[in-house]
């Protein structure tokens, strides 16, 4: 699901529990 990377701040797969975290999208990127 690479769409999650584009949806930063949106809790899609439960990977990003911190919407205001700029590093959150980098975390998702490595997971996906």
C-alpha atoms as a PDB file:
ATOM      1  CA  UNK A   1       0.000   0.000   0.000  1.00  0.00           C
ATOM      2  CA  UNK A   2       2.158   2.840  -1.224  1.00  0.00           C
ATOM      3  CA  UNK A   3      -0.872   5.109  -1.013  1.00  0.00           C
ATOM      4  CA  UNK A   4      -0.296   5.315   2.731  1.00  0.00           C
ATOM      5  CA  UNK A   5       2.921   7.216   2.060  1.00  0.00           C
ATOM      6  CA  UNK A   6       0.967   9.917   0.258  1.00  0.00           C
ATOM      7  CA  UNK A   7      -1.610  10.053   3.049  1.00  0.00           C
ATOM      8  CA  UNK A   8       0.660  11.414   5.757  1.00  0.00           C
ATOM      9  CA  UNK A   9      -1.141  12.006   9.032  1.00  0.00           C
ATOM     10  CA  UNK A  10      -3.980   9.702   8.082  1.00  0.00           C
ATOM     11  CA  UNK A  11      -4.206   6.591  10.215  1.00  0.00           C
ATOM     12  CA  UNK A  12      -4.753   4.037   7.466  1.00  0.00           C
ATOM     13  CA  UNK A  13      -2.911   0.895   8.458  1.00  0.00           C
ATOM     14  CA  UNK A  14      -2.381   2.096  11.994  1.00  0.00           C
ATOM     15  CA  UNK A  15       1.294   2.728  11.261  1.00  0.00           C
ATOM     16  CA  UNK A  16       1.023   6.461  11.869  1.00  0.00           C
ATOM     17  CA  UNK A  17      -0.425   7.120  15.279  1.00  0.00           C
ATOM     18  CA  UNK A  18       1.124  10.594  15.296  1.00  0.00           C
ATOM     19  CA  UNK A  19      -0.372  12.786  12.539  1.00  0.00           C
ATOM     20  CA  UNK A  20       1.835  15.746  13.441  1.00  0.00           C
ATOM     21  CA  UNK A  21       4.996  13.679  13.195  1.00  0.00           C
ATOM     22  CA  UNK A  22       6.990  14.634  10.060  1.00  0.00           C
ATOM     23  CA  UNK A  23       9.124  11.527  10.561  1.00  0.00           C
ATOM     24  CA  UNK A  24       6.022   9.395  10.456  1.00  0.00           C
ATOM     25  CA  UNK A  25       5.926   9.366   6.683  1.00  0.00           C
ATOM     26  CA  UNK A  26       9.522   8.202   6.560  1.00  0.00           C
ATOM     27  CA  UNK A  27       8.654   5.345   8.892  1.00  0.00           C
ATOM     28  CA  UNK A  28       5.772   4.264   6.691  1.00  0.00           C
ATOM     29  CA  UNK A  29       7.975   4.510   3.629  1.00  0.00           C
ATOM     30  CA  UNK A  30      10.427   1.991   5.000  1.00  0.00           C
ATOM     31  CA  UNK A  31       7.640  -0.320   6.142  1.00  0.00           C
ATOM     32  CA  UNK A  32       5.950  -0.280   2.781  1.00  0.00           C
END
